[in-house]
N, C-alpha and C. Protein backbone atom coordinates (compact mmCIF):
# COMPACT_ATOMS: atom_id res chain seq x y z
N MET A 1 -5.34 11.59 25.24
CA MET A 1 -5.25 11.24 24.06
C MET A 1 -5.90 9.48 24.26
N LYS A 2 -5.76 9.06 23.24
CA LYS A 2 -6.30 7.35 23.48
C LYS A 2 -4.80 6.63 21.47
N PHE A 3 -5.01 5.64 22.40
CA PHE A 3 -4.19 4.51 21.49
C PHE A 3 -5.06 3.90 20.74
N GLY A 4 -5.34 3.71 18.96
CA GLY A 4 -5.08 3.02 18.12
C GLY A 4 -4.67 1.92 17.54
N LEU A 5 -5.57 1.21 16.62
CA LEU A 5 -4.26 0.11 15.48
C LEU A 5 -5.72 0.71 14.34
N VAL A 6 -5.52 1.41 13.19
CA VAL A 6 -5.65 1.63 11.70
C VAL A 6 -6.07 -0.29 11.83
N ILE A 7 -7.57 -0.63 11.52
CA ILE A 7 -7.85 -1.44 10.43
C ILE A 7 -8.45 -1.30 9.03
N GLY A 8 -8.25 0.01 8.34
CA GLY A 8 -9.10 0.28 7.63
C GLY A 8 -9.28 1.43 7.11
N SER A 9 -9.76 1.90 6.01
CA SER A 9 -9.27 3.17 5.60
C SER A 9 -10.87 3.55 4.84
N VAL A 10 -11.28 4.47 5.32
CA VAL A 10 -12.55 5.58 4.65
C VAL A 10 -12.37 5.33 3.47
N VAL A 11 -13.74 5.05 1.95
CA VAL A 11 -13.36 5.64 0.31
C VAL A 11 -14.38 6.04 0.53
N SER A 12 -14.42 7.84 0.59
CA SER A 12 -15.73 9.00 0.44
C SER A 12 -15.45 9.95 -1.08
N THR A 13 -16.52 9.88 -2.34
CA THR A 13 -16.02 10.75 -2.70
C THR A 13 -16.92 12.31 -2.96
N LYS A 14 -17.51 12.19 -2.27
CA LYS A 14 -18.06 13.71 -1.75
C LYS A 14 -17.96 14.59 -0.39
N LYS A 15 -16.87 14.96 -0.25
CA LYS A 15 -16.52 15.73 1.57
C LYS A 15 -17.36 17.10 2.10
N ALA A 16 -17.52 17.27 2.92
CA ALA A 16 -17.93 18.88 3.40
C ALA A 16 -17.04 19.09 3.67
N GLY A 17 -16.76 21.05 3.28
CA GLY A 17 -15.88 21.42 3.43
C GLY A 17 -14.12 21.64 3.72
N LYS A 18 -13.82 21.70 4.32
CA LYS A 18 -12.52 21.48 4.98
C LYS A 18 -12.11 19.61 5.07
N LEU A 19 -13.17 19.33 5.19
CA LEU A 19 -12.41 17.27 4.73
C LEU A 19 -12.23 17.43 3.46
N LYS A 20 -12.17 18.16 2.34
CA LYS A 20 -11.63 17.40 1.01
C LYS A 20 -10.32 17.46 1.62
N GLY A 21 -9.77 16.51 0.97
CA GLY A 21 -7.98 16.08 0.68
C GLY A 21 -7.33 15.75 1.64
N LEU A 22 -8.38 15.52 2.34
CA LEU A 22 -7.95 14.64 3.91
C LEU A 22 -8.16 12.81 4.19
N LYS A 23 -7.33 12.75 4.17
CA LYS A 23 -7.14 10.92 4.29
C LYS A 23 -7.89 10.56 5.65
N ILE A 24 -8.95 9.26 5.31
CA ILE A 24 -9.59 9.68 6.90
C ILE A 24 -9.59 7.67 7.25
N LEU A 25 -9.72 7.37 7.75
CA LEU A 25 -8.89 6.07 8.75
C LEU A 25 -10.27 5.34 9.58
N VAL A 26 -10.20 4.35 9.47
CA VAL A 26 -11.01 3.04 10.42
C VAL A 26 -10.18 3.12 11.73
N VAL A 27 -10.26 3.41 12.68
CA VAL A 27 -9.33 2.56 13.78
C VAL A 27 -10.24 1.78 14.44
N ASN A 28 -9.50 0.80 15.49
CA ASN A 28 -9.98 0.14 16.17
C ASN A 28 -8.92 0.91 17.64
N TYR A 29 -10.58 1.12 18.69
CA TYR A 29 -8.91 1.85 19.93
C TYR A 29 -8.02 0.69 20.71
N LEU A 30 -7.40 0.98 20.67
CA LEU A 30 -6.81 0.06 22.31
C LEU A 30 -6.66 0.47 23.21
N ASN A 31 -6.86 -0.57 24.24
CA ASN A 31 -6.51 -0.66 25.85
C ASN A 31 -5.46 -0.17 25.82
N GLU A 32 -4.71 0.48 27.85
CA GLU A 32 -3.79 0.61 28.01
C GLU A 32 -2.76 -0.22 27.85
N ASN A 33 -3.71 -1.86 27.91
CA ASN A 33 -1.93 -2.55 27.55
C ASN A 33 -1.29 -3.06 25.55
N LEU A 34 -2.08 -2.15 24.38
CA LEU A 34 -2.73 -2.01 23.48
C LEU A 34 -3.23 -2.59 23.01
N GLU A 35 -4.39 -3.98 23.60
CA GLU A 35 -5.43 -4.74 23.03
C GLU A 35 -6.64 -4.15 22.57
N ARG A 36 -7.29 -5.11 22.02
CA ARG A 36 -8.32 -4.39 20.98
C ARG A 36 -9.61 -4.28 21.74
N THR A 37 -9.98 -3.16 21.16
CA THR A 37 -11.24 -2.63 22.74
C THR A 37 -12.45 -3.02 21.31
N SER A 38 -13.92 -2.45 21.48
CA SER A 38 -15.14 -3.13 21.01
C SER A 38 -15.77 -1.57 20.33
N HIS A 39 -14.84 -0.47 20.11
CA HIS A 39 -15.08 0.26 19.99
C HIS A 39 -14.46 1.59 18.81
N SER A 40 -14.53 1.59 18.05
CA SER A 40 -13.71 1.97 16.65
C SER A 40 -14.82 3.79 16.23
N ALA A 41 -13.79 4.02 15.30
CA ALA A 41 -13.69 5.22 14.73
C ALA A 41 -13.70 5.38 13.15
N ALA A 42 -14.25 6.54 12.40
CA ALA A 42 -13.53 7.21 11.39
C ALA A 42 -12.06 8.49 12.34
N CYS A 43 -11.55 8.19 11.77
CA CYS A 43 -10.52 9.36 11.97
C CYS A 43 -9.81 9.75 10.82
N VAL A 44 -9.99 11.44 10.56
CA VAL A 44 -8.89 12.08 9.95
C VAL A 44 -7.53 12.02 10.66
N ASP A 45 -6.82 11.65 9.63
CA ASP A 45 -5.07 10.91 9.13
C ASP A 45 -4.55 12.52 9.37
N THR A 46 -3.53 12.76 10.18
CA THR A 46 -2.89 13.88 9.56
C THR A 46 -1.28 14.04 9.50
N VAL A 47 -0.99 12.37 9.72
CA VAL A 47 0.36 12.06 9.59
C VAL A 47 1.23 10.93 9.29
N ASN A 48 0.00 10.40 7.51
CA ASN A 48 0.31 9.37 6.17
C ASN A 48 0.59 8.24 7.34
N ALA A 49 -0.37 7.68 8.45
CA ALA A 49 -0.86 6.13 8.66
C ALA A 49 -1.07 5.58 8.07
N GLY A 50 -0.77 3.68 8.15
CA GLY A 50 -1.62 3.04 7.05
C GLY A 50 -1.63 1.77 8.16
N GLU A 51 -2.98 1.08 6.73
CA GLU A 51 -3.58 -0.07 7.72
C GLU A 51 -1.87 -1.10 8.68
N GLY A 52 -2.64 -1.44 10.30
CA GLY A 52 -1.66 -1.83 11.35
C GLY A 52 -0.58 -1.04 11.45
N ASP A 53 -0.87 0.48 11.26
CA ASP A 53 -0.33 1.93 12.48
C ASP A 53 -0.98 1.03 13.40
N ILE A 54 0.06 1.49 14.64
CA ILE A 54 -0.39 1.57 15.68
C ILE A 54 -0.33 3.18 16.05
N VAL A 55 -1.24 4.32 16.44
CA VAL A 55 -1.16 5.74 16.31
C VAL A 55 -2.54 6.67 17.64
N LEU A 56 -1.31 7.26 17.99
CA LEU A 56 -1.94 8.07 18.68
C LEU A 56 -3.66 9.30 18.31
N LEU A 57 -4.27 9.26 19.47
CA LEU A 57 -5.87 9.55 18.94
C LEU A 57 -6.44 10.96 19.44
N CYS A 58 -6.30 11.70 18.82
CA CYS A 58 -7.17 12.90 19.65
C CYS A 58 -8.57 13.04 19.44
N SER A 59 -9.40 13.30 20.18
CA SER A 59 -10.88 13.13 20.43
C SER A 59 -11.39 14.97 20.65
N SER A 60 -12.69 15.62 20.57
CA SER A 60 -13.52 16.24 20.72
C SER A 60 -12.95 17.79 19.75
N SER A 61 -12.97 18.61 21.33
CA SER A 61 -12.36 19.63 20.46
C SER A 61 -11.00 19.57 20.25
N SER A 62 -10.33 18.56 21.25
CA SER A 62 -8.76 18.12 20.39
C SER A 62 -8.10 18.25 19.22
N ALA A 63 -10.00 17.27 18.65
CA ALA A 63 -9.04 16.80 17.50
C ALA A 63 -8.66 17.83 16.06
N ARG A 64 -9.55 18.74 16.93
CA ARG A 64 -9.85 20.88 15.60
C ARG A 64 -8.65 21.21 15.40
N LEU A 65 -7.58 20.79 16.33
CA LEU A 65 -6.24 21.58 16.87
C LEU A 65 -4.87 22.03 15.97
N THR A 66 -4.97 20.83 15.37
CA THR A 66 -3.79 20.54 14.09
C THR A 66 -3.61 21.44 12.81
N GLU A 67 -2.37 21.81 12.20
CA GLU A 67 -2.85 22.50 11.47
C GLU A 67 -3.88 22.42 10.30
N GLN A 68 -3.79 20.52 10.13
CA GLN A 68 -4.94 19.86 9.30
C GLN A 68 -6.33 20.11 9.53
N THR A 69 -6.24 20.75 11.17
CA THR A 69 -7.77 20.41 11.35
C THR A 69 -7.94 21.20 11.55
N LYS A 70 -7.50 22.34 11.76
CA LYS A 70 -8.53 24.09 12.16
C LYS A 70 -10.26 24.04 11.46
N ASP A 71 -11.10 24.06 11.99
CA ASP A 71 -11.77 24.28 11.46
C ASP A 71 -12.95 23.22 9.88
N VAL A 72 -12.08 21.90 10.96
CA VAL A 72 -12.17 20.57 10.27
C VAL A 72 -13.78 20.55 11.37
N ALA A 73 -15.30 19.37 10.54
CA ALA A 73 -15.50 19.05 11.18
C ALA A 73 -15.24 17.16 10.87
N THR A 74 -14.39 17.30 12.38
CA THR A 74 -13.64 16.33 13.22
C THR A 74 -14.08 15.70 13.61
N ASP A 75 -14.41 14.51 14.52
CA ASP A 75 -14.20 14.76 15.99
C ASP A 75 -13.31 13.69 17.04
N ASN A 76 -12.13 13.26 15.60
CA ASN A 76 -11.46 12.10 15.85
C ASN A 76 -9.90 12.62 14.65
N THR A 77 -8.66 12.56 15.40
CA THR A 77 -8.31 13.17 14.93
C THR A 77 -6.41 11.86 15.15
N ILE A 78 -6.00 11.42 14.32
CA ILE A 78 -4.62 10.96 13.76
C ILE A 78 -3.93 11.93 14.35
N ILE A 79 -2.52 11.00 15.62
CA ILE A 79 -1.83 12.78 15.48
C ILE A 79 -0.88 12.37 15.65
N GLY A 80 -0.42 10.67 15.66
CA GLY A 80 1.08 10.53 16.10
C GLY A 80 1.02 8.95 15.42
N ILE A 81 1.91 8.29 15.12
CA ILE A 81 2.26 7.23 14.61
C ILE A 81 3.54 6.44 15.44
N VAL A 82 3.04 5.46 16.66
CA VAL A 82 3.06 4.56 17.66
C VAL A 82 4.76 4.00 17.09
N ASP A 83 5.62 4.58 18.09
CA ASP A 83 7.42 3.38 17.56
C ASP A 83 7.26 2.50 18.87
N SER A 84 6.98 3.15 20.26
CA SER A 84 7.52 2.29 20.78
C SER A 84 6.73 2.54 21.69
N VAL A 85 5.76 1.94 23.47
CA VAL A 85 5.41 1.91 24.30
C VAL A 85 6.60 1.32 25.72
N SER A 86 6.13 1.85 26.71
CA SER A 86 7.04 0.72 27.67
C SER A 86 6.29 1.67 29.04
N HIS A 87 6.52 0.53 30.40
CA HIS A 87 6.11 0.71 31.20
C HIS A 87 6.49 0.15 32.53
N GLY A 88 7.26 1.57 32.58
CA GLY A 88 7.95 1.39 33.87
C GLY A 88 9.52 0.65 33.19
N ASN A 89 10.07 -1.22 33.99
CA ASN A 89 10.83 -0.92 32.59
C ASN A 89 10.71 -2.40 31.78
N LYS A 90 9.10 -2.15 31.32
CA LYS A 90 9.23 -3.23 30.29
C LYS A 90 8.52 -2.39 29.20
N ILE A 91 8.73 -2.88 28.06
CA ILE A 91 8.59 -2.70 26.53
C ILE A 91 7.50 -3.12 26.67
N ILE A 92 6.39 -1.97 25.95
CA ILE A 92 4.99 -3.90 25.84
C ILE A 92 4.97 -3.55 24.35
N TYR A 93 5.83 -2.60 24.09
CA TYR A 93 5.22 -3.05 22.05
C TYR A 93 6.41 -2.10 21.01
N LYS A 94 6.58 -2.25 20.64
CA LYS A 94 7.99 -1.95 19.40
C LYS A 94 7.56 -2.11 17.88
N LYS A 95 7.82 -1.28 17.60
CA LYS A 95 7.17 -1.06 15.97
C LYS A 95 8.36 -1.67 14.75
N GLN A 96 7.43 -2.71 14.23
CA GLN A 96 8.77 -3.75 13.24
C GLN A 96 9.31 -2.60 12.12
N LYS A 97 10.53 -2.99 11.75
CA LYS A 97 10.56 -2.19 10.62
C LYS A 97 10.17 -2.71 9.47
N SER A 98 10.08 -1.81 8.68
CA SER A 98 9.03 -2.37 7.50
C SER A 98 10.68 -2.46 6.36
């Protein structure tokens, strides 16, 4: 799994097969300190994430193991919205309440 920051969305009027009806978001990968990297990807969203959310991602064949993505042509899937991250006794991220 990887951490990512949702930075945008993809609008696609035509999608192949089982991609129809699935939301696709643009995610910038984060490193272990939750700092942005130079890598990003279009990801199928299975948890109703939104712009600004820090999310958990699965890639490769694992991206097709959720109920929504079984047999879907995806290489990146958002599988969780992060509430907090800690390392040892230090909290490095805590989601702001909206």
